[in-house]
C-alpha atoms as a PDB file:
ATOM      1  CA  MET A   1     -34.607   5.284  37.125  1.00  0.00           C
ATOM      2  CA  THR A   2     -32.644   5.600  40.331  1.00  0.00           C
ATOM      3  CA  PRO A   3     -29.425   3.685  40.935  1.00  0.00           C
ATOM      4  CA  GLU A   4     -31.254   1.482  43.455  1.00  0.00           C
ATOM      5  CA  GLU A   5     -33.935   0.592  40.901  1.00  0.00           C
ATOM      6  CA  ARG A   6     -31.296  -0.186  38.287  1.00  0.00           C
ATOM      7  CA  ALA A   7     -29.451  -2.454  40.731  1.00  0.00           C
ATOM      8  CA  ALA A   8     -32.708  -4.248  41.572  1.00  0.00           C
ATOM      9  CA  GLU A   9     -33.538  -4.742  37.882  1.00  0.00           C
ATOM     10  CA  LEU A  10     -30.040  -6.028  37.198  1.00  0.00           C
ATOM     11  CA  ALA A  11     -30.364  -8.477  40.075  1.00  0.00           C
ATOM     12  CA  ARG A  12     -33.566  -9.870  38.560  1.00  0.00           C
ATOM     13  CA  THR A  13     -31.905 -10.365  35.162  1.00  0.00           C
ATOM     14  CA  PRO A  14     -30.991 -14.045  34.650  1.00  0.00           C
ATOM     15  CA  LEU A  15     -27.324 -14.823  34.230  1.00  0.00           C
ATOM     16  CA  GLU A  16     -26.182 -15.631  30.713  1.00  0.00           C
ATOM     17  CA  VAL A  17     -23.621 -18.383  30.345  1.00  0.00           C
ATOM     18  CA  VAL A  18     -20.607 -17.219  28.331  1.00  0.00           C
ATOM     19  CA  GLY A  19     -18.606 -19.812  26.454  1.00  0.00           C
ATOM     20  CA  SER A  20     -19.482 -23.321  25.429  1.00  0.00           C
ATOM     21  CA  GLN A  21     -20.879 -25.798  27.905  1.00  0.00           C
ATOM     22  CA  GLN A  22     -19.128 -28.997  28.849  1.00  0.00           C
ATOM     23  CA  GLY A  23     -20.159 -32.276  27.296  1.00  0.00           C
ATOM     24  CA  PHE A  24     -19.736 -33.682  23.827  1.00  0.00           C
ATOM     25  CA  LEU A  25     -23.308 -33.356  22.634  1.00  0.00           C
ATOM     26  CA  VAL A  26     -24.641 -30.210  24.337  1.00  0.00           C
ATOM     27  CA  GLY A  27     -21.294 -28.443  24.074  1.00  0.00           C
ATOM     28  CA  THR A  28     -20.917 -29.246  20.398  1.00  0.00           C
ATOM     29  CA  VAL A  29     -24.390 -27.979  19.516  1.00  0.00           C
ATOM     30  CA  GLN A  30     -23.814 -24.763  21.438  1.00  0.00           C
ATOM     31  CA  SER A  31     -20.406 -24.211  19.831  1.00  0.00           C
ATOM     32  CA  VAL A  32     -21.847 -24.632  16.344  1.00  0.00           C
ATOM     33  CA  GLN A  33     -24.661 -22.196  17.188  1.00  0.00           C
ATOM     34  CA  GLN A  34     -22.179 -19.622  18.463  1.00  0.00           C
ATOM     35  CA  ILE A  35     -19.968 -19.916  15.393  1.00  0.00           C
ATOM     36  CA  TRP A  36     -23.029 -19.510  13.166  1.00  0.00           C
ATOM     37  CA  ARG A  37     -24.092 -16.457  15.179  1.00  0.00           C
ATOM     38  CA  TYR A  38     -20.660 -14.914  14.562  1.00  0.00           C
ATOM     39  CA  ARG A  39     -20.444 -15.986  10.904  1.00  0.00           C
ATOM     40  CA  HIS A  40     -20.202 -12.383   9.691  1.00  0.00           C
ATOM     41  CA  LEU A  41     -17.225 -11.800  11.987  1.00  0.00           C
ATOM     42  CA  LEU A  42     -15.671 -15.014  10.682  1.00  0.00           C
ATOM     43  CA  LEU A  43     -16.005 -13.703   7.132  1.00  0.00           C
ATOM     44  CA  LEU A  44     -14.423 -10.393   8.137  1.00  0.00           C
ATOM     45  CA  LEU A  45     -11.529 -12.146   9.849  1.00  0.00           C
ATOM     46  CA  THR A  46     -10.967 -14.284   6.771  1.00  0.00           C
ATOM     47  CA  ARG A  47     -10.860 -11.197   4.569  1.00  0.00           C
ATOM     48  CA  ARG A  48      -8.462  -9.576   7.009  1.00  0.00           C
ATOM     49  CA  GLU A  49      -6.188 -12.637   6.895  1.00  0.00           C
ATOM     50  CA  ILE A  50      -6.042 -12.389   3.120  1.00  0.00           C
ATOM     51  CA  LYS A  51      -5.479  -8.626   3.026  1.00  0.00           C
ATOM     52  CA  VAL A  52      -2.923  -8.438   5.855  1.00  0.00           C
ATOM     53  CA  ARG A  53      -0.795 -11.176   4.336  1.00  0.00           C
ATOM     54  CA  TYR A  54      -0.130  -9.110   1.214  1.00  0.00           C
ATOM     55  CA  LYS A  55      -0.462  -5.639   2.717  1.00  0.00           C
ATOM     56  CA  ASN A  56       1.899  -3.021   1.241  1.00  0.00           C
ATOM     57  CA  SER A  57       3.169  -5.485  -1.380  1.00  0.00           C
ATOM     58  CA  ALA A  58       3.386  -4.454  -5.004  1.00  0.00           C
ATOM     59  CA  PHE A  59       1.954  -7.699  -6.380  1.00  0.00           C
ATOM     60  CA  GLY A  60      -0.720  -8.219  -3.711  1.00  0.00           C
ATOM     61  CA  LEU A  61      -2.753 -11.390  -4.204  1.00  0.00           C
ATOM     62  CA  ALA A  62      -0.517 -12.391  -7.090  1.00  0.00           C
ATOM     63  CA  TRP A  63       1.920 -13.713  -4.482  1.00  0.00           C
ATOM     64  CA  SER A  64      -0.520 -16.550  -3.768  1.00  0.00           C
ATOM     65  CA  LEU A  65       0.254 -17.736  -7.311  1.00  0.00           C
ATOM     66  CA  ILE A  66       3.896 -16.693  -7.518  1.00  0.00           C
ATOM     67  CA  ARG A  67       4.910 -18.745  -4.470  1.00  0.00           C
ATOM     68  CA  PRO A  68       3.572 -22.126  -5.664  1.00  0.00           C
ATOM     69  CA  LEU A  69       4.816 -21.439  -9.194  1.00  0.00           C
ATOM     70  CA  ALA A  70       8.283 -20.736  -7.776  1.00  0.00           C
ATOM     71  CA  MET A  71       8.141 -24.005  -5.836  1.00  0.00           C
ATOM     72  CA  LEU A  72       7.035 -25.771  -9.007  1.00  0.00           C
ATOM     73  CA  ILE A  73      10.023 -24.444 -10.936  1.00  0.00           C
ATOM     74  CA  VAL A  74      12.487 -25.373  -8.178  1.00  0.00           C
ATOM     75  CA  TYR A  75      11.189 -28.922  -7.765  1.00  0.00           C
ATOM     76  CA  TYR A  76      10.758 -29.407 -11.505  1.00  0.00           C
ATOM     77  CA  VAL A  77      14.365 -28.431 -12.183  1.00  0.00           C
ATOM     78  CA  ALA A  78      15.891 -30.147  -9.128  1.00  0.00           C
ATOM     79  CA  ILE A  79      13.815 -33.343  -9.094  1.00  0.00           C
ATOM     80  CA  GLY A  80      12.630 -33.533 -12.681  1.00  0.00           C
ATOM     81  CA  LYS A  81      15.707 -32.420 -14.591  1.00  0.00           C
ATOM     82  CA  PHE A  82      18.701 -33.012 -12.319  1.00  0.00           C
ATOM     83  CA  LEU A  83      17.465 -36.280 -10.776  1.00  0.00           C
ATOM     84  CA  GLY A  84      15.665 -37.383 -13.928  1.00  0.00           C
ATOM     85  CA  ALA A  85      12.213 -37.917 -12.406  1.00  0.00           C
ATOM     86  CA  GLU A  86      10.499 -36.594 -15.533  1.00  0.00           C
ATOM     87  CA  ARG A  87      11.830 -39.557 -17.509  1.00  0.00           C
ATOM     88  CA  SER A  88       9.757 -41.978 -15.418  1.00  0.00           C
ATOM     89  CA  ILE A  89       6.753 -39.708 -14.698  1.00  0.00           C
ATOM     90  CA  PRO A  90       4.837 -38.493 -17.778  1.00  0.00           C
ATOM     91  CA  ASP A  91       3.738 -34.840 -17.719  1.00  0.00           C
ATOM     92  CA  PHE A  92       5.895 -34.340 -14.650  1.00  0.00           C
ATOM     93  CA  ALA A  93       5.036 -30.626 -14.371  1.00  0.00           C
ATOM     94  CA  ILE A  94       1.301 -31.380 -14.011  1.00  0.00           C
ATOM     95  CA  TYR A  95       2.058 -34.216 -11.614  1.00  0.00           C
ATOM     96  CA  ILE A  96       4.183 -32.150  -9.264  1.00  0.00           C
ATOM     97  CA  PHE A  97       1.957 -29.060  -9.402  1.00  0.00           C
ATOM     98  CA  THR A  98      -1.031 -31.220  -8.453  1.00  0.00           C
ATOM     99  CA  GLY A  99       0.810 -32.537  -5.417  1.00  0.00           C
ATOM    100  CA  LEU A 100       2.068 -29.106  -4.399  1.00  0.00           C
ATOM    101  CA  THR A 101      -1.435 -27.621  -4.680  1.00  0.00           C
ATOM    102  CA  GLY A 102      -2.916 -30.219  -2.337  1.00  0.00           C
ATOM    103  CA  TRP A 103       0.034 -30.067   0.041  1.00  0.00           C
ATOM    104  CA  GLN A 104      -0.040 -26.268   0.247  1.00  0.00           C
ATOM    105  CA  LEU A 105      -3.688 -26.372   1.356  1.00  0.00           C
ATOM    106  CA  PHE A 106      -2.982 -28.698   4.282  1.00  0.00           C
ATOM    107  CA  ASN A 107       0.304 -26.982   5.151  1.00  0.00           C
ATOM    108  CA  GLU A 108      -1.210 -23.505   5.206  1.00  0.00           C
ATOM    109  CA  ILE A 109      -4.254 -24.567   7.232  1.00  0.00           C
ATOM    110  CA  LEU A 110      -2.168 -26.218   9.932  1.00  0.00           C
ATOM    111  CA  ALA A 111       0.606 -23.614  10.096  1.00  0.00           C
ATOM    112  CA  SER A 112      -1.760 -20.620  10.149  1.00  0.00           C
ATOM    113  CA  SER A 113      -4.246 -22.209  12.551  1.00  0.00           C
ATOM    114  CA  THR A 114      -1.521 -23.051  15.063  1.00  0.00           C
ATOM    115  CA  SER A 115      -0.507 -19.403  15.449  1.00  0.00           C
ATOM    116  CA  SER A 116      -4.005 -17.932  15.044  1.00  0.00           C
ATOM    117  CA  ILE A 117      -4.831 -17.574  18.762  1.00  0.00           C
ATOM    118  CA  LEU A 118      -1.497 -15.983  19.643  1.00  0.00           C
ATOM    119  CA  GLY A 119      -1.782 -13.695  16.646  1.00  0.00           C
ATOM    120  CA  ASN A 120      -5.120 -12.349  17.892  1.00  0.00           C
ATOM    121  CA  ALA A 121      -4.199 -12.125  21.576  1.00  0.00           C
ATOM    122  CA  GLY A 122      -5.151  -8.458  21.820  1.00  0.00           C
ATOM    123  CA  LEU A 123      -8.691  -9.088  20.621  1.00  0.00           C
ATOM    124  CA  ILE A 124      -9.154 -12.210  22.736  1.00  0.00           C
ATOM    125  CA  LYS A 125      -8.173 -10.382  25.936  1.00  0.00           C
ATOM    126  CA  LYS A 126     -10.643  -7.561  25.343  1.00  0.00           C
ATOM    127  CA  ILE A 127     -13.942  -9.135  24.325  1.00  0.00           C
ATOM    128  CA  TYR A 128     -15.670 -12.501  24.293  1.00  0.00           C
ATOM    129  CA  LEU A 129     -16.348 -14.275  21.025  1.00  0.00           C
ATOM    130  CA  PRO A 130     -16.091 -17.899  19.950  1.00  0.00           C
ATOM    131  CA  ARG A 131     -12.364 -18.557  19.852  1.00  0.00           C
ATOM    132  CA  GLU A 132     -12.867 -21.079  17.050  1.00  0.00           C
ATOM    133  CA  VAL A 133     -13.383 -18.235  14.579  1.00  0.00           C
ATOM    134  CA  PHE A 134      -9.660 -17.505  14.571  1.00  0.00           C
ATOM    135  CA  PRO A 135      -8.465 -20.955  13.410  1.00  0.00           C
ATOM    136  CA  LEU A 136     -11.440 -21.118  11.053  1.00  0.00           C
ATOM    137  CA  SER A 137     -10.488 -17.776   9.501  1.00  0.00           C
ATOM    138  CA  ALA A 138      -7.055 -19.262   8.799  1.00  0.00           C
ATOM    139  CA  VAL A 139      -8.807 -22.181   7.102  1.00  0.00           C
ATOM    140  CA  GLY A 140     -10.843 -19.765   4.985  1.00  0.00           C
ATOM    141  CA  SER A 141      -7.737 -17.854   3.924  1.00  0.00           C
ATOM    142  CA  ALA A 142      -5.949 -21.077   2.971  1.00  0.00           C
ATOM    143  CA  LEU A 143      -8.985 -22.241   1.018  1.00  0.00           C
ATOM    144  CA  PHE A 144      -9.023 -18.964  -0.923  1.00  0.00           C
ATOM    145  CA  ASN A 145      -5.379 -19.387  -1.951  1.00  0.00           C
ATOM    146  CA  PHE A 146      -6.029 -23.035  -2.807  1.00  0.00           C
ATOM    147  CA  THR A 147      -8.903 -22.060  -5.085  1.00  0.00           C
ATOM    148  CA  MET A 148      -6.663 -19.710  -7.057  1.00  0.00           C
ATOM    149  CA  GLN A 149      -3.956 -22.357  -7.414  1.00  0.00           C
ATOM    150  CA  LEU A 150      -6.537 -24.939  -8.421  1.00  0.00           C
ATOM    151  CA  GLY A 151      -7.706 -22.604 -11.171  1.00  0.00           C
ATOM    152  CA  ILE A 152      -4.160 -22.295 -12.525  1.00  0.00           C
ATOM    153  CA  LEU A 153      -3.749 -26.080 -12.375  1.00  0.00           C
ATOM    154  CA  THR A 154      -6.990 -26.622 -14.277  1.00  0.00           C
ATOM    155  CA  ILE A 155      -5.928 -24.169 -16.970  1.00  0.00           C
ATOM    156  CA  ALA A 156      -2.564 -25.933 -17.231  1.00  0.00           C
ATOM    157  CA  THR A 157      -4.266 -29.275 -17.921  1.00  0.00           C
ATOM    158  CA  PHE A 158      -6.149 -27.716 -20.833  1.00  0.00           C
ATOM    159  CA  VAL A 159      -2.941 -26.138 -22.131  1.00  0.00           C
ATOM    160  CA  VAL A 160      -1.205 -29.519 -22.337  1.00  0.00           C
ATOM    161  CA  GLY A 161      -4.339 -30.960 -23.929  1.00  0.00           C
ATOM    162  CA  LYS A 162      -5.209 -33.391 -21.136  1.00  0.00           C
ATOM    163  CA  PRO A 163      -8.058 -31.911 -19.073  1.00  0.00           C
ATOM    164  CA  PRO A 164      -9.663 -33.872 -16.200  1.00  0.00           C
ATOM    165  CA  THR A 165     -12.132 -36.576 -17.104  1.00  0.00           C
ATOM    166  CA  LEU A 166     -15.558 -36.959 -15.502  1.00  0.00           C
ATOM    167  CA  GLU A 167     -14.426 -40.117 -13.739  1.00  0.00           C
ATOM    168  CA  GLY A 168     -11.365 -38.355 -12.388  1.00  0.00           C
ATOM    169  CA  LEU A 169     -13.378 -35.385 -11.130  1.00  0.00           C
ATOM    170  CA  LEU A 170     -15.276 -37.707  -8.786  1.00  0.00           C
ATOM    171  CA  PHE A 171     -12.114 -38.023  -6.682  1.00  0.00           C
ATOM    172  CA  LEU A 172     -11.664 -34.268  -6.233  1.00  0.00           C
ATOM    173  CA  PRO A 173     -14.437 -33.321  -3.717  1.00  0.00           C
ATOM    174  CA  PRO A 174     -13.625 -36.066  -1.170  1.00  0.00           C
ATOM    175  CA  ALA A 175      -9.894 -35.393  -1.553  1.00  0.00           C
ATOM    176  CA  ILE A 176     -10.360 -31.693  -0.732  1.00  0.00           C
ATOM    177  CA  ALA A 177     -12.775 -32.562   2.077  1.00  0.00           C
ATOM    178  CA  VAL A 178     -10.229 -34.886   3.711  1.00  0.00           C
ATOM    179  CA  LEU A 179      -7.517 -32.198   3.586  1.00  0.00           C
ATOM    180  CA  LEU A 180      -9.883 -29.608   5.069  1.00  0.00           C
ATOM    181  CA  VAL A 181     -11.240 -31.841   7.814  1.00  0.00           C
ATOM    182  CA  TYR A 182      -7.894 -33.179   9.044  1.00  0.00           C
ATOM    183  CA  GLY A 183      -6.161 -29.818   8.705  1.00  0.00           C
ATOM    184  CA  THR A 184      -8.911 -28.089  10.698  1.00  0.00           C
ATOM    185  CA  ALA A 185      -9.075 -30.811  13.342  1.00  0.00           C
ATOM    186  CA  ILE A 186      -5.336 -30.826  13.984  1.00  0.00           C
ATOM    187  CA  GLY A 187      -5.211 -27.033  13.707  1.00  0.00           C
ATOM    188  CA  LEU A 188      -7.787 -26.587  16.478  1.00  0.00           C
ATOM    189  CA  VAL A 189      -5.783 -28.795  18.825  1.00  0.00           C
ATOM    190  CA  THR A 190      -2.418 -27.197  18.041  1.00  0.00           C
ATOM    191  CA  ALA A 191      -3.863 -23.665  18.221  1.00  0.00           C
ATOM    192  CA  ALA A 192      -5.108 -24.321  21.754  1.00  0.00           C
ATOM    193  CA  ALA A 193      -1.974 -26.168  22.851  1.00  0.00           C
ATOM    194  CA  ASN A 194       0.237 -23.388  21.469  1.00  0.00           C
ATOM    195  CA  VAL A 195      -1.275 -20.941  23.955  1.00  0.00           C
ATOM    196  CA  TYR A 196      -0.009 -23.001  26.879  1.00  0.00           C
ATOM    197  CA  LEU A 197       3.206 -24.269  25.306  1.00  0.00           C
ATOM    198  CA  ARG A 198       4.759 -22.012  22.675  1.00  0.00           C
ATOM    199  CA  ASP A 199       7.028 -24.808  21.444  1.00  0.00           C
ATOM    200  CA  VAL A 200       4.040 -26.335  19.659  1.00  0.00           C
ATOM    201  CA  GLN A 201       4.345 -24.008  16.664  1.00  0.00           C
ATOM    202  CA  TYR A 202       7.971 -25.033  16.129  1.00  0.00           C
ATOM    203  CA  LEU A 203       7.077 -28.687  16.508  1.00  0.00           C
ATOM    204  CA  VAL A 204       4.390 -28.218  13.855  1.00  0.00           C
ATOM    205  CA  GLU A 205       6.931 -26.676  11.478  1.00  0.00           C
ATOM    206  CA  ILE A 206       9.279 -29.643  11.861  1.00  0.00           C
ATOM    207  CA  THR A 207       6.430 -32.132  11.532  1.00  0.00           C
ATOM    208  CA  LEU A 208       5.182 -30.507   8.342  1.00  0.00           C
ATOM    209  CA  MET A 209       8.670 -30.558   6.874  1.00  0.00           C
ATOM    210  CA  ALA A 210       8.936 -34.303   7.557  1.00  0.00           C
ATOM    211  CA  LEU A 211       5.369 -35.006   6.461  1.00  0.00           C
ATOM    212  CA  PHE A 212       6.003 -33.427   3.067  1.00  0.00           C
ATOM    213  CA  TRP A 213       8.435 -36.190   2.187  1.00  0.00           C
ATOM    214  CA  THR A 214       5.999 -38.898   3.275  1.00  0.00           C
ATOM    215  CA  THR A 215       3.491 -37.811   0.619  1.00  0.00           C
ATOM    216  CA  PRO A 216       3.816 -38.689  -3.101  1.00  0.00           C
ATOM    217  CA  THR A 217       4.329 -35.097  -4.194  1.00  0.00           C
ATOM    218  CA  VAL A 218       7.732 -35.138  -5.879  1.00  0.00           C
ATOM    219  CA  TYR A 219       7.962 -38.899  -6.337  1.00  0.00           C
ATOM    220  CA  SER A 220       5.499 -41.450  -7.697  1.00  0.00           C
ATOM    221  CA  TRP A 221       3.398 -44.043  -5.931  1.00  0.00           C
ATOM    222  CA  GLU A 222       5.169 -46.681  -8.015  1.00  0.00           C
ATOM    223  CA  LEU A 223       8.453 -45.836  -6.270  1.00  0.00           C
ATOM    224  CA  VAL A 224       6.770 -46.249  -2.889  1.00  0.00           C
ATOM    225  CA  ARG A 225       5.223 -49.580  -3.866  1.00  0.00           C
ATOM    226  CA  ASP A 226       8.545 -50.912  -5.163  1.00  0.00           C
ATOM    227  CA  ALA A 227      10.519 -49.637  -2.165  1.00  0.00           C
ATOM    228  CA  VAL A 228       8.392 -51.054   0.651  1.00  0.00           C
ATOM    229  CA  SER A 229       9.078 -54.616   1.625  1.00  0.00           C
ATOM    230  CA  SER A 230       5.610 -55.717   2.739  1.00  0.00           C
ATOM    231  CA  SER A 231       1.932 -54.969   2.387  1.00  0.00           C
ATOM    232  CA  LEU A 232       1.910 -53.920   6.046  1.00  0.00           C
ATOM    233  CA  VAL A 233       4.321 -51.053   5.391  1.00  0.00           C
ATOM    234  CA  GLU A 234       2.266 -50.072   2.363  1.00  0.00           C
ATOM    235  CA  SER A 235      -0.899 -50.016   4.491  1.00  0.00           C
ATOM    236  CA  ILE A 236       0.834 -47.865   7.104  1.00  0.00           C
ATOM    237  CA  TYR A 237       1.919 -45.430   4.396  1.00  0.00           C
ATOM    238  CA  LEU A 238      -1.659 -45.189   3.137  1.00  0.00           C
ATOM    239  CA  CYS A 239      -2.903 -44.324   6.648  1.00  0.00           C
ATOM    240  CA  ASN A 240      -1.601 -40.825   5.925  1.00  0.00           C
ATOM    241  CA  PRO A 241      -4.719 -38.846   4.882  1.00  0.00           C
ATOM    242  CA  VAL A 242      -2.622 -36.214   3.100  1.00  0.00           C
ATOM    243  CA  ALA A 243      -0.932 -38.853   0.966  1.00  0.00           C
ATOM    244  CA  VAL A 244      -4.245 -40.470   0.022  1.00  0.00           C
ATOM    245  CA  SER A 245      -5.783 -37.083  -0.794  1.00  0.00           C
ATOM    246  CA  ILE A 246      -2.878 -36.120  -3.049  1.00  0.00           C
ATOM    247  CA  LEU A 247      -3.069 -39.495  -4.806  1.00  0.00           C
ATOM    248  CA  ALA A 248      -6.768 -38.822  -5.412  1.00  0.00           C
ATOM    249  CA  MET A 249      -6.053 -35.335  -6.764  1.00  0.00           C
ATOM    250  CA  GLN A 250      -3.520 -36.860  -9.124  1.00  0.00           C
ATOM    251  CA  ARG A 251      -6.251 -39.186 -10.389  1.00  0.00           C
ATOM    252  CA  THR A 252      -8.209 -36.037 -11.201  1.00  0.00           C
ATOM    253  CA  PHE A 253      -5.629 -33.797 -12.878  1.00  0.00           C
ATOM    254  CA  TRP A 254      -2.783 -36.115 -13.901  1.00  0.00           C
ATOM    255  CA  VAL A 255      -4.522 -37.677 -16.893  1.00  0.00           C
ATOM    256  CA  ALA A 256      -1.211 -38.798 -18.393  1.00  0.00           C
ATOM    257  CA  GLY A 257      -0.802 -41.143 -15.425  1.00  0.00           C
ATOM    258  CA  ALA A 258      -4.174 -42.850 -15.778  1.00  0.00           C
ATOM    259  CA  ASP A 259      -2.440 -46.136 -16.611  1.00  0.00           C
ATOM    260  CA  GLU A 260       0.209 -45.741 -13.912  1.00  0.00           C
ATOM    261  CA  PRO A 261       0.043 -47.914 -10.753  1.00  0.00           C
ATOM    262  CA  ALA A 262      -2.260 -46.624  -8.009  1.00  0.00           C
ATOM    263  CA  PRO A 263      -3.443 -47.939  -4.625  1.00  0.00           C
ATOM    264  CA  GLU A 264      -6.433 -50.246  -4.695  1.00  0.00           C
ATOM    265  CA  ASN A 265      -9.823 -48.968  -3.556  1.00  0.00           C
ATOM    266  CA  LEU A 266      -8.644 -45.368  -3.477  1.00  0.00           C
ATOM    267  CA  GLY A 267     -12.182 -43.989  -3.450  1.00  0.00           C
ATOM    268  CA  LEU A 268     -13.189 -46.235  -0.557  1.00  0.00           C
ATOM    269  CA  ARG A 269     -10.105 -45.176   1.381  1.00  0.00           C
ATOM    270  CA  LEU A 270     -11.120 -41.542   0.940  1.00  0.00           C
ATOM    271  CA  VAL A 271     -14.621 -42.169   2.259  1.00  0.00           C
ATOM    272  CA  VAL A 272     -13.347 -44.088   5.294  1.00  0.00           C
ATOM    273  CA  MET A 273     -10.780 -41.393   6.066  1.00  0.00           C
ATOM    274  CA  LEU A 274     -13.419 -38.702   5.760  1.00  0.00           C
ATOM    275  CA  VAL A 275     -15.652 -40.487   8.286  1.00  0.00           C
ATOM    276  CA  PHE A 276     -12.782 -40.873  10.754  1.00  0.00           C
ATOM    277  CA  GLY A 277     -11.727 -37.284  10.049  1.00  0.00           C
ATOM    278  CA  LEU A 278     -15.146 -35.920  10.969  1.00  0.00           C
ATOM    279  CA  ALA A 279     -14.999 -37.842  14.256  1.00  0.00           C
ATOM    280  CA  PHE A 280     -11.502 -36.458  14.844  1.00  0.00           C
ATOM    281  CA  LEU A 281     -12.764 -32.953  14.080  1.00  0.00           C
ATOM    282  CA  TRP A 282     -15.488 -33.375  16.688  1.00  0.00           C
ATOM    283  CA  VAL A 283     -12.973 -34.508  19.313  1.00  0.00           C
ATOM    284  CA  GLY A 284     -10.572 -31.716  18.330  1.00  0.00           C
ATOM    285  CA  GLN A 285     -13.264 -29.069  18.724  1.00  0.00           C
ATOM    286  CA  ARG A 286     -14.228 -30.372  22.160  1.00  0.00           C
ATOM    287  CA  ALA A 287     -10.568 -30.374  23.213  1.00  0.00           C
ATOM    288  CA  PHE A 288     -10.280 -26.783  22.000  1.00  0.00           C
ATOM    289  CA  SER A 289     -13.407 -25.867  23.957  1.00  0.00           C
ATOM    290  CA  ARG A 290     -12.004 -27.364  27.154  1.00  0.00           C
ATOM    291  CA  LEU A 291      -8.772 -25.412  26.812  1.00  0.00           C
ATOM    292  CA  GLU A 292     -10.115 -22.038  25.672  1.00  0.00           C
ATOM    293  CA  GLY A 293     -11.394 -21.016  29.121  1.00  0.00           C
ATOM    294  CA  ASN A 294      -7.959 -19.789  30.236  1.00  0.00           C
ATOM    295  CA  PHE A 295      -6.793 -18.300  26.935  1.00  0.00           C
ATOM    296  CA  ALA A 296      -7.086 -14.698  28.135  1.00  0.00           C
ATOM    297  CA  GLN A 297      -5.110 -15.405  31.329  1.00  0.00           C
ATOM    298  CA  GLU A 298      -2.372 -17.306  29.493  1.00  0.00           C
ATOM    299  CA  LEU A 299      -2.059 -14.608  26.836  1.00  0.00           C
END
């Protein structure tokens, strides 16, 4: 085929639109189709995230367990022993490890997702692929670490002789779903915004540090209920999806606290937050799609 014939054939070839289309409905469907088409790449990126994190380390994946266990020991000694929290919270070690496990999932999703686009700048500038796979690979890596920690937590409940009950286990799936949905939704927005304004990643770090102390991880819900002065403040506190999710996880694993005070209609709150979270995830993905067009130029 001569060069002229090749040029003519190329001219007759219809143009293929690269990237997601505008619009909430059409754009969303196309984005989901593209992510599904690149699902094998997403799995590879997730594996790479896990391997790179512990590359050239002697303990490897064991660090995903050592880190939360170290945090458990620090908080148990500082909060439980020195400040005497274990005297008012039965099975304080299980209580705090449950909170730290849920918090670490949300924290890792948001922190890793925010820097995921910048961390893969070289790949993004060379080829086209759905940019969402990079924040989603961070979500997959965080979920892998969470699964390992959840296994240790489950074993610990059997060791102390108070494993989760069937009723308590009903709270676990929606609690994890809420953490995943909100973490992914916020992570998509911050990952895109971080490309244009690099201060976003530092703002996320500060926000996560403050948010940790607004969740009942190292203190009990009873302290929150007694400290607030009105039902309005209590309702505002319970608008935090991370706090509600951790309270639900405590209903699952903290069997010793089954008779302790808890928010009313906790299961209903989870369902409502999950519905709003899915809507937020949709909006976050569309915002990401609108901003991703200039990623390569900004990077």
